[in-house]
């Protein structure tokens, strides 16, 4: 539904700009500026939400990535711990 709404608005703006002549160019510019500002503010909101999610999950920007060797070592420790627990 949102896609069709956007298409309809674009068609209405084009029709209005053809009808209004020289004023239509200004109308297009104003609408383009409004769309850009809308996208900018929506992006800022999404960025703030992502930062809040990262903070909630404990993901820090300065964290270094975990190497494959560290992951393998941790998995081996867990596997050994499980194997020792089953033997008892």
PDB file of N, CA and C in Angstrom:
ATOM      1  N   UNK A   1       0.823  -1.192   0.000  1.00  0.00           N
ATOM      2  CA  UNK A   1       0.000   0.000   0.000  1.00  0.00           C
ATOM      3  C   UNK A   1       0.865   1.253   0.000  1.00  0.00           C
ATOM      4  N   UNK A   2       1.974   1.211   0.724  1.00  0.00           N
ATOM      5  CA  UNK A   2       2.836   2.385   0.800  1.00  0.00           C
ATOM      6  C   UNK A   2       3.453   2.669  -0.564  1.00  0.00           C
ATOM      7  N   UNK A   3       3.842   1.608  -1.298  1.00  0.00           N
ATOM      8  CA  UNK A   3       4.432   1.808  -2.623  1.00  0.00           C
ATOM      9  C   UNK A   3       3.456   2.509  -3.551  1.00  0.00           C
ATOM     10  N   UNK A   4       2.196   2.055  -3.544  1.00  0.00           N
ATOM     11  CA  UNK A   4       1.208   2.658  -4.424  1.00  0.00           C
ATOM     12  C   UNK A   4       0.928   4.100  -4.010  1.00  0.00           C
ATOM     13  N   UNK A   5       0.989   4.373  -2.736  1.00  0.00           N
ATOM     14  CA  UNK A   5       0.801   5.741  -2.269  1.00  0.00           C
ATOM     15  C   UNK A   5       1.900   6.654  -2.768  1.00  0.00           C
ATOM     16  N   UNK A   6       3.129   6.153  -2.736  1.00  0.00           N
ATOM     17  CA  UNK A   6       4.253   6.957  -3.220  1.00  0.00           C
ATOM     18  C   UNK A   6       4.146   7.192  -4.721  1.00  0.00           C
ATOM     19  N   UNK A   7       3.760   6.157  -5.447  1.00  0.00           N
ATOM     20  CA  UNK A   7       3.600   6.297  -6.898  1.00  0.00           C
ATOM     21  C   UNK A   7       2.514   7.325  -7.199  1.00  0.00           C
ATOM     22  N   UNK A   8       1.421   7.255  -6.467  1.00  0.00           N
ATOM     23  CA  UNK A   8       0.323   8.199  -6.673  1.00  0.00           C
ATOM     24  C   UNK A   8       0.769   9.635  -6.392  1.00  0.00           C
ATOM     25  N   UNK A   9       1.527   9.814  -5.332  1.00  0.00           N
ATOM     26  CA  UNK A   9       2.009  11.158  -4.990  1.00  0.00           C
ATOM     27  C   UNK A   9       2.931  11.681  -6.076  1.00  0.00           C
ATOM     28  N   UNK A  10       3.827  10.837  -6.574  1.00  0.00           N
ATOM     29  CA  UNK A  10       4.743  11.266  -7.633  1.00  0.00           C
ATOM     30  C   UNK A  10       3.954  11.666  -8.873  1.00  0.00           C
ATOM     31  N   UNK A  11       2.954  10.871  -9.229  1.00  0.00           N
ATOM     32  CA  UNK A  11       2.143  11.206 -10.403  1.00  0.00           C
ATOM     33  C   UNK A  11       1.371  12.507 -10.194  1.00  0.00           C
ATOM     34  N   UNK A  12       0.843  12.703  -9.003  1.00  0.00           N
ATOM     35  CA  UNK A  12       0.128  13.954  -8.716  1.00  0.00           C
ATOM     36  C   UNK A  12       1.059  15.161  -8.778  1.00  0.00           C
ATOM     37  N   UNK A  13       2.279  15.005  -8.279  1.00  0.00           N
ATOM     38  CA  UNK A  13       3.240  16.114  -8.315  1.00  0.00           C
ATOM     39  C   UNK A  13       3.619  16.432  -9.750  1.00  0.00           C
ATOM     40  N   UNK A  14       3.853  15.388 -10.549  1.00  0.00           N
ATOM     41  CA  UNK A  14       4.192  15.636 -11.951  1.00  0.00           C
ATOM     42  C   UNK A  14       3.031  16.319 -12.676  1.00  0.00           C
ATOM     43  N   UNK A  15       1.816  15.837 -12.408  1.00  0.00           N
ATOM     44  CA  UNK A  15       0.653  16.469 -13.023  1.00  0.00           C
ATOM     45  C   UNK A  15       0.492  17.909 -12.587  1.00  0.00           C
ATOM     46  N   UNK A  16       0.670  18.164 -11.318  1.00  0.00           N
ATOM     47  CA  UNK A  16       0.544  19.531 -10.803  1.00  0.00           C
ATOM     48  C   UNK A  16       1.635  20.423 -11.374  1.00  0.00           C
ATOM     49  N   UNK A  17       2.843  19.892 -11.513  1.00  0.00           N
ATOM     50  CA  UNK A  17       3.932  20.721 -12.040  1.00  0.00           C
ATOM     51  C   UNK A  17       3.694  21.063 -13.509  1.00  0.00           C
ATOM     52  N   UNK A  18       3.113  20.130 -14.271  1.00  0.00           N
ATOM     53  CA  UNK A  18       2.776  20.433 -15.658  1.00  0.00           C
ATOM     54  C   UNK A  18       1.654  21.478 -15.724  1.00  0.00           C
ATOM     55  N   UNK A  19       0.697  21.359 -14.839  1.00  0.00           N
ATOM     56  CA  UNK A  19      -0.434  22.285 -14.818  1.00  0.00           C
ATOM     57  C   UNK A  19      -0.004  23.679 -14.371  1.00  0.00           C
ATOM     58  N   UNK A  20       0.902  23.717 -13.390  1.00  0.00           N
ATOM     59  CA  UNK A  20       1.305  25.012 -12.831  1.00  0.00           C
ATOM     60  C   UNK A  20       2.410  25.687 -13.629  1.00  0.00           C
ATOM     61  N   UNK A  21       3.055  24.995 -14.515  1.00  0.00           N
ATOM     62  CA  UNK A  21       4.096  25.604 -15.353  1.00  0.00           C
ATOM     63  C   UNK A  21       5.344  25.934 -14.548  1.00  0.00           C
ATOM     64  N   UNK A  22       5.690  27.216 -14.514  1.00  0.00           N
ATOM     65  CA  UNK A  22       6.919  27.642 -13.845  1.00  0.00           C
ATOM     66  C   UNK A  22       6.854  27.393 -12.336  1.00  0.00           C
ATOM     67  N   UNK A  23       5.674  27.493 -11.765  1.00  0.00           N
ATOM     68  CA  UNK A  23       5.533  27.233 -10.330  1.00  0.00           C
ATOM     69  C   UNK A  23       5.717  25.742 -10.013  1.00  0.00           C
ATOM     70  N   UNK A  24       5.497  24.911 -11.010  1.00  0.00           N
ATOM     71  CA  UNK A  24       5.657  23.469 -10.821  1.00  0.00           C
ATOM     72  C   UNK A  24       7.088  23.083 -10.508  1.00  0.00           C
ATOM     73  N   UNK A  25       8.050  23.816 -11.091  1.00  0.00           N
ATOM     74  CA  UNK A  25       9.464  23.539 -10.818  1.00  0.00           C
ATOM     75  C   UNK A  25       9.767  23.806  -9.348  1.00  0.00           C
ATOM     76  N   UNK A  26       9.254  24.891  -8.838  1.00  0.00           N
ATOM     77  CA  UNK A  26       9.436  25.197  -7.418  1.00  0.00           C
ATOM     78  C   UNK A  26       8.757  24.169  -6.537  1.00  0.00           C
ATOM     79  N   UNK A  27       7.590  23.719  -6.955  1.00  0.00           N
ATOM     80  CA  UNK A  27       6.865  22.698  -6.210  1.00  0.00           C
ATOM     81  C   UNK A  27       7.669  21.407  -6.140  1.00  0.00           C
ATOM     82  N   UNK A  28       8.270  21.020  -7.267  1.00  0.00           N
ATOM     83  CA  UNK A  28       9.114  19.820  -7.288  1.00  0.00           C
ATOM     84  C   UNK A  28      10.294  19.973  -6.332  1.00  0.00           C
ATOM     85  N   UNK A  29      10.916  21.133  -6.331  1.00  0.00           N
ATOM     86  CA  UNK A  29      12.060  21.365  -5.447  1.00  0.00           C
ATOM     87  C   UNK A  29      11.680  21.292  -3.982  1.00  0.00           C
ATOM     88  N   UNK A  30      10.556  21.874  -3.646  1.00  0.00           N
ATOM     89  CA  UNK A  30      10.092  21.848  -2.253  1.00  0.00           C
ATOM     90  C   UNK A  30       9.771  20.427  -1.823  1.00  0.00           C
ATOM     91  N   UNK A  31       9.114  19.675  -2.687  1.00  0.00           N
ATOM     92  CA  UNK A  31       8.771  18.288  -2.348  1.00  0.00           C
ATOM     93  C   UNK A  31      10.030  17.432  -2.248  1.00  0.00           C
ATOM     94  N   UNK A  32      10.995  17.645  -3.153  1.00  0.00           N
ATOM     95  CA  UNK A  32      12.258  16.888  -3.088  1.00  0.00           C
ATOM     96  C   UNK A  32      12.990  17.189  -1.781  1.00  0.00           C
ATOM     97  N   UNK A  33      13.015  18.450  -1.383  1.00  0.00           N
ATOM     98  CA  UNK A  33      13.658  18.815  -0.116  1.00  0.00           C
ATOM     99  C   UNK A  33      12.944  18.151   1.060  1.00  0.00           C
ATOM    100  N   UNK A  34      11.625  18.138   1.022  1.00  0.00           N
ATOM    101  CA  UNK A  34      10.854  17.482   2.080  1.00  0.00           C
ATOM    102  C   UNK A  34      11.160  15.991   2.155  1.00  0.00           C
ATOM    103  N   UNK A  35      11.253  15.325   1.007  1.00  0.00           N
ATOM    104  CA  UNK A  35      11.588  13.898   0.993  1.00  0.00           C
ATOM    105  C   UNK A  35      12.988  13.647   1.552  1.00  0.00           C
ATOM    106  N   UNK A  36      13.938  14.491   1.162  1.00  0.00           N
ATOM    107  CA  UNK A  36      15.301  14.324   1.674  1.00  0.00           C
ATOM    108  C   UNK A  36      15.359  14.515   3.186  1.00  0.00           C
ATOM    109  N   UNK A  37      14.661  15.518   3.689  1.00  0.00           N
ATOM    110  CA  UNK A  37      14.633  15.734   5.131  1.00  0.00           C
ATOM    111  C   UNK A  37      13.953  14.575   5.852  1.00  0.00           C
ATOM    112  N   UNK A  38      12.900  14.045   5.261  1.00  0.00           N
ATOM    113  CA  UNK A  38      12.212  12.900   5.854  1.00  0.00           C
ATOM    114  C   UNK A  38      13.142  11.699   5.943  1.00  0.00           C
ATOM    115  N   UNK A  39      13.871  11.435   4.871  1.00  0.00           N
ATOM    116  CA  UNK A  39      14.819  10.313   4.865  1.00  0.00           C
ATOM    117  C   UNK A  39      15.920  10.551   5.895  1.00  0.00           C
ATOM    118  N   UNK A  40      16.408  11.788   5.980  1.00  0.00           N
ATOM    119  CA  UNK A  40      17.476  12.107   6.935  1.00  0.00           C
ATOM    120  C   UNK A  40      17.033  11.857   8.371  1.00  0.00           C
ATOM    121  N   UNK A  41      15.845  12.347   8.725  1.00  0.00           N
ATOM    122  CA  UNK A  41      15.374  12.180  10.104  1.00  0.00           C
ATOM    123  C   UNK A  41      15.042  10.722  10.409  1.00  0.00           C
ATOM    124  N   UNK A  42      14.537   9.992   9.434  1.00  0.00           N
ATOM    125  CA  UNK A  42      14.251   8.575   9.633  1.00  0.00           C
ATOM    126  C   UNK A  42      15.558   7.800   9.851  1.00  0.00           C
ATOM    127  N   UNK A  43      16.589   8.155   9.090  1.00  0.00           N
ATOM    128  CA  UNK A  43      17.894   7.517   9.249  1.00  0.00           C
ATOM    129  C   UNK A  43      18.476   7.802  10.626  1.00  0.00           C
ATOM    130  N   UNK A  44      18.351   9.033  11.094  1.00  0.00           N
ATOM    131  CA  UNK A  44      18.846   9.387  12.424  1.00  0.00           C
ATOM    132  C   UNK A  44      18.119   8.594  13.509  1.00  0.00           C
ATOM    133  N   UNK A  45      16.818   8.410  13.346  1.00  0.00           N
ATOM    134  CA  UNK A  45      16.042   7.636  14.320  1.00  0.00           C
ATOM    135  C   UNK A  45      16.492   6.179  14.333  1.00  0.00           C
ATOM    136  N   UNK A  46      16.696   5.611  13.161  1.00  0.00           N
ATOM    137  CA  UNK A  46      17.153   4.222  13.066  1.00  0.00           C
ATOM    138  C   UNK A  46      18.536   4.078  13.685  1.00  0.00           C
ATOM    139  N   UNK A  47      19.416   5.047  13.442  1.00  0.00           N
ATOM    140  CA  UNK A  47      20.762   5.006  14.025  1.00  0.00           C
ATOM    141  C   UNK A  47      20.698   5.056  15.551  1.00  0.00           C
ATOM    142  N   UNK A  48      19.839   5.899  16.091  1.00  0.00           N
ATOM    143  CA  UNK A  48      19.697   5.984  17.547  1.00  0.00           C
ATOM    144  C   UNK A  48      19.152   4.676  18.112  1.00  0.00           C
ATOM    145  N   UNK A  49      18.200   4.066  17.410  1.00  0.00           N
ATOM    146  CA  UNK A  49      17.663   2.776  17.854  1.00  0.00           C
ATOM    147  C   UNK A  49      18.736   1.696  17.844  1.00  0.00           C
ATOM    148  N   UNK A  50      19.558   1.681  16.809  1.00  0.00           N
ATOM    149  CA  UNK A  50      20.644   0.694  16.736  1.00  0.00           C
ATOM    150  C   UNK A  50      21.647   0.885  17.865  1.00  0.00           C
ATOM    151  N   UNK A  51      21.953   2.133  18.180  1.00  0.00           N
ATOM    152  CA  UNK A  51      22.875   2.387  19.287  1.00  0.00           C
ATOM    153  C   UNK A  51      22.285   1.898  20.600  1.00  0.00           C
ATOM    154  N   UNK A  52      20.985   2.108  20.799  1.00  0.00           N
ATOM    155  CA  UNK A  52      20.338   1.635  22.024  1.00  0.00           C
ATOM    156  C   UNK A  52      20.358   0.115  22.094  1.00  0.00           C
ATOM    157  N   UNK A  53      20.134  -0.550  20.961  1.00  0.00           N
ATOM    158  CA  UNK A  53      20.180  -2.012  20.924  1.00  0.00           C
ATOM    159  C   UNK A  53      21.583  -2.504  21.234  1.00  0.00           C
ATOM    160  N   UNK A  54      22.596  -1.866  20.635  1.00  0.00           N
ATOM    161  CA  UNK A  54      23.988  -2.257  20.903  1.00  0.00           C
ATOM    162  C   UNK A  54      24.315  -2.084  22.380  1.00  0.00           C
ATOM    163  N   UNK A  55      23.873  -0.993  22.968  1.00  0.00           N
ATOM    164  CA  UNK A  55      24.136  -0.749  24.387  1.00  0.00           C
ATOM    165  C   UNK A  55      23.453  -1.808  25.239  1.00  0.00           C
ATOM    166  N   UNK A  56      22.212  -2.156  24.894  1.00  0.00           N
ATOM    167  CA  UNK A  56      21.462  -3.163  25.650  1.00  0.00           C
ATOM    168  C   UNK A  56      22.128  -4.541  25.546  1.00  0.00           C
ATOM    169  N   UNK A  57      22.649  -4.861  24.357  1.00  0.00           N
ATOM    170  CA  UNK A  57      23.290  -6.167  24.159  1.00  0.00           C
ATOM    171  C   UNK A  57      24.740  -6.195  24.641  1.00  0.00           C
ATOM    172  N   UNK A  58      25.288  -5.045  24.963  1.00  0.00           N
ATOM    173  CA  UNK A  58      26.662  -4.991  25.439  1.00  0.00           C
ATOM    174  C   UNK A  58      27.683  -5.010  24.327  1.00  0.00           C
ATOM    175  N   UNK A  59      27.275  -4.627  23.144  1.00  0.00           N
ATOM    176  CA  UNK A  59      28.198  -4.573  22.004  1.00  0.00           C
ATOM    177  C   UNK A  59      28.816  -3.185  21.994  1.00  0.00           C
ATOM    178  N   UNK A  60      30.116  -3.149  22.140  1.00  0.00           N
ATOM    179  CA  UNK A  60      30.805  -1.867  22.169  1.00  0.00           C
ATOM    180  C   UNK A  60      31.471  -1.611  20.833  1.00  0.00           C
ATOM    181  N   UNK A  61      31.599  -0.344  20.472  1.00  0.00           N
ATOM    182  CA  UNK A  61      32.236   0.024  19.209  1.00  0.00           C
ATOM    183  C   UNK A  61      33.726  -0.323  19.208  1.00  0.00           C
ATOM    184  N   UNK A  62      34.382  -0.205  20.349  1.00  0.00           N
ATOM    185  CA  UNK A  62      35.817  -0.414  20.419  1.00  0.00           C
ATOM    186  C   UNK A  62      36.240  -1.863  20.593  1.00  0.00           C
ATOM    187  N   UNK A  63      35.296  -2.781  20.635  1.00  0.00           N
ATOM    188  CA  UNK A  63      35.664  -4.185  20.832  1.00  0.00           C
ATOM    189  C   UNK A  63      36.415  -4.702  19.622  1.00  0.00           C
ATOM    190  N   UNK A  64      37.408  -5.520  19.900  1.00  0.00           N
ATOM    191  CA  UNK A  64      38.141  -6.126  18.794  1.00  0.00           C
ATOM    192  C   UNK A  64      37.440  -7.419  18.411  1.00  0.00           C
ATOM    193  N   UNK A  65      37.534  -7.786  17.147  1.00  0.00           N
ATOM    194  CA  UNK A  65      36.875  -9.025  16.730  1.00  0.00           C
ATOM    195  C   UNK A  65      37.572 -10.250  17.329  1.00  0.00           C
ATOM    196  N   UNK A  66      36.800 -11.283  17.597  1.00  0.00           N
ATOM    197  CA  UNK A  66      37.335 -12.509  18.179  1.00  0.00           C
ATOM    198  C   UNK A  66      37.955 -13.330  17.061  1.00  0.00           C
ATOM    199  N   UNK A  67      39.170 -13.812  17.285  1.00  0.00           N
ATOM    200  CA  UNK A  67      39.854 -14.582  16.250  1.00  0.00           C
ATOM    201  C   UNK A  67      39.308 -16.005  16.199  1.00  0.00           C
ATOM    202  N   UNK A  68      39.568 -16.661  15.094  1.00  0.00           N
ATOM    203  CA  UNK A  68      39.121 -18.049  14.928  1.00  0.00           C
ATOM    204  C   UNK A  68      39.775 -18.968  15.960  1.00  0.00           C
ATOM    205  N   UNK A  69      41.025 -18.699  16.288  1.00  0.00           N
ATOM    206  CA  UNK A  69      41.734 -19.536  17.262  1.00  0.00           C
ATOM    207  C   UNK A  69      41.072 -19.448  18.639  1.00  0.00           C
ATOM    208  N   UNK A  70      40.667 -18.238  19.016  1.00  0.00           N
ATOM    209  CA  UNK A  70      40.003 -18.068  20.309  1.00  0.00           C
ATOM    210  C   UNK A  70      38.661 -18.804  20.339  1.00  0.00           C
ATOM    211  N   UNK A  71      37.933 -18.749  19.238  1.00  0.00           N
ATOM    212  CA  UNK A  71      36.647 -19.446  19.158  1.00  0.00           C
ATOM    213  C   UNK A  71      36.858 -20.949  19.243  1.00  0.00           C
ATOM    214  N   UNK A  72      37.850 -21.459  18.497  1.00  0.00           N
ATOM    215  CA  UNK A  72      38.129 -22.899  18.511  1.00  0.00           C
ATOM    216  C   UNK A  72      38.550 -23.359  19.898  1.00  0.00           C
ATOM    217  N   UNK A  73      39.390 -22.565  20.580  1.00  0.00           N
ATOM    218  CA  UNK A  73      39.840 -22.937  21.918  1.00  0.00           C
ATOM    219  C   UNK A  73      38.660 -22.991  22.887  1.00  0.00           C
ATOM    220  N   UNK A  74      37.759 -22.034  22.797  1.00  0.00           N
ATOM    221  CA  UNK A  74      36.602 -22.033  23.682  1.00  0.00           C
ATOM    222  C   UNK A  74      35.691 -23.225  23.400  1.00  0.00           C
ATOM    223  N   UNK A  75      35.491 -23.548  22.138  1.00  0.00           N
ATOM    224  CA  UNK A  75      34.662 -24.703  21.787  1.00  0.00           C
ATOM    225  C   UNK A  75      35.279 -26.004  22.286  1.00  0.00           C
ATOM    226  N   UNK A  76      36.605 -26.114  22.162  1.00  0.00           N
ATOM    227  CA  UNK A  76      37.274 -27.319  22.652  1.00  0.00           C
ATOM    228  C   UNK A  76      37.126 -27.447  24.166  1.00  0.00           C
ATOM    229  N   UNK A  77      37.253 -26.335  24.891  1.00  0.00           N
ATOM    230  CA  UNK A  77      37.068 -26.368  26.345  1.00  0.00           C
ATOM    231  C   UNK A  77      35.651 -26.821  26.695  1.00  0.00           C
ATOM    232  N   UNK A  78      34.673 -26.289  25.988  1.00  0.00           N
ATOM    233  CA  UNK A  78      33.290 -26.674  26.256  1.00  0.00           C
ATOM    234  C   UNK A  78      33.048 -28.142  25.944  1.00  0.00           C
ATOM    235  N   UNK A  79      33.630 -28.624  24.851  1.00  0.00           N
ATOM    236  CA  UNK A  79      33.455 -30.031  24.475  1.00  0.00           C
ATOM    237  C   UNK A  79      34.090 -30.948  25.521  1.00  0.00           C
ATOM    238  N   UNK A  80      35.282 -30.542  26.012  1.00  0.00           N
ATOM    239  CA  UNK A  80      35.949 -31.338  27.054  1.00  0.00           C
ATOM    240  C   UNK A  80      35.125 -31.348  28.338  1.00  0.00           C
ATOM    241  N   UNK A  81      34.561 -30.195  28.671  1.00  0.00           N
ATOM    242  CA  UNK A  81      33.743 -30.087  29.895  1.00  0.00           C
ATOM    243  C   UNK A  81      32.495 -30.963  29.758  1.00  0.00           C
ATOM    244  N   UNK A  82      31.866 -30.992  28.616  1.00  0.00           N
ATOM    245  CA  UNK A  82      30.699 -31.839  28.394  1.00  0.00           C
ATOM    246  C   UNK A  82      31.085 -33.307  28.453  1.00  0.00           C
ATOM    247  N   UNK A  83      32.227 -33.655  27.857  1.00  0.00           N
ATOM    248  CA  UNK A  83      32.666 -35.045  27.850  1.00  0.00           C
ATOM    249  C   UNK A  83      32.984 -35.495  29.287  1.00  0.00           C
ATOM    250  N   UNK A  84      33.611 -34.648  30.072  1.00  0.00           N
ATOM    251  CA  UNK A  84      33.927 -34.981  31.464  1.00  0.00           C
ATOM    252  C   UNK A  84      32.649 -35.111  32.270  1.00  0.00           C
ATOM    253  N   UNK A  85      31.667 -34.296  31.993  1.00  0.00           N
ATOM    254  CA  UNK A  85      30.390 -34.352  32.722  1.00  0.00           C
ATOM    255  C   UNK A  85      29.622 -35.621  32.397  1.00  0.00           C
ATOM    256  N   UNK A  86      29.708 -36.132  31.202  1.00  0.00           N
ATOM    257  CA  UNK A  86      28.989 -37.337  30.816  1.00  0.00           C
ATOM    258  C   UNK A  86      29.670 -38.604  31.362  1.00  0.00           C
ATOM    259  N   UNK A  87      30.983 -38.556  31.551  1.00  0.00           N
ATOM    260  CA  UNK A  87      31.725 -39.721  32.033  1.00  0.00           C
ATOM    261  C   UNK A  87      31.437 -40.002  33.492  1.00  0.00           C
ATOM    262  N   UNK A  88      31.096 -38.977  34.236  1.00  0.00           N
ATOM    263  CA  UNK A  88      30.902 -39.149  35.678  1.00  0.00           C
ATOM    264  C   UNK A  88      29.726 -39.966  36.031  1.00  0.00           C
TER     265      UNK A  88
END
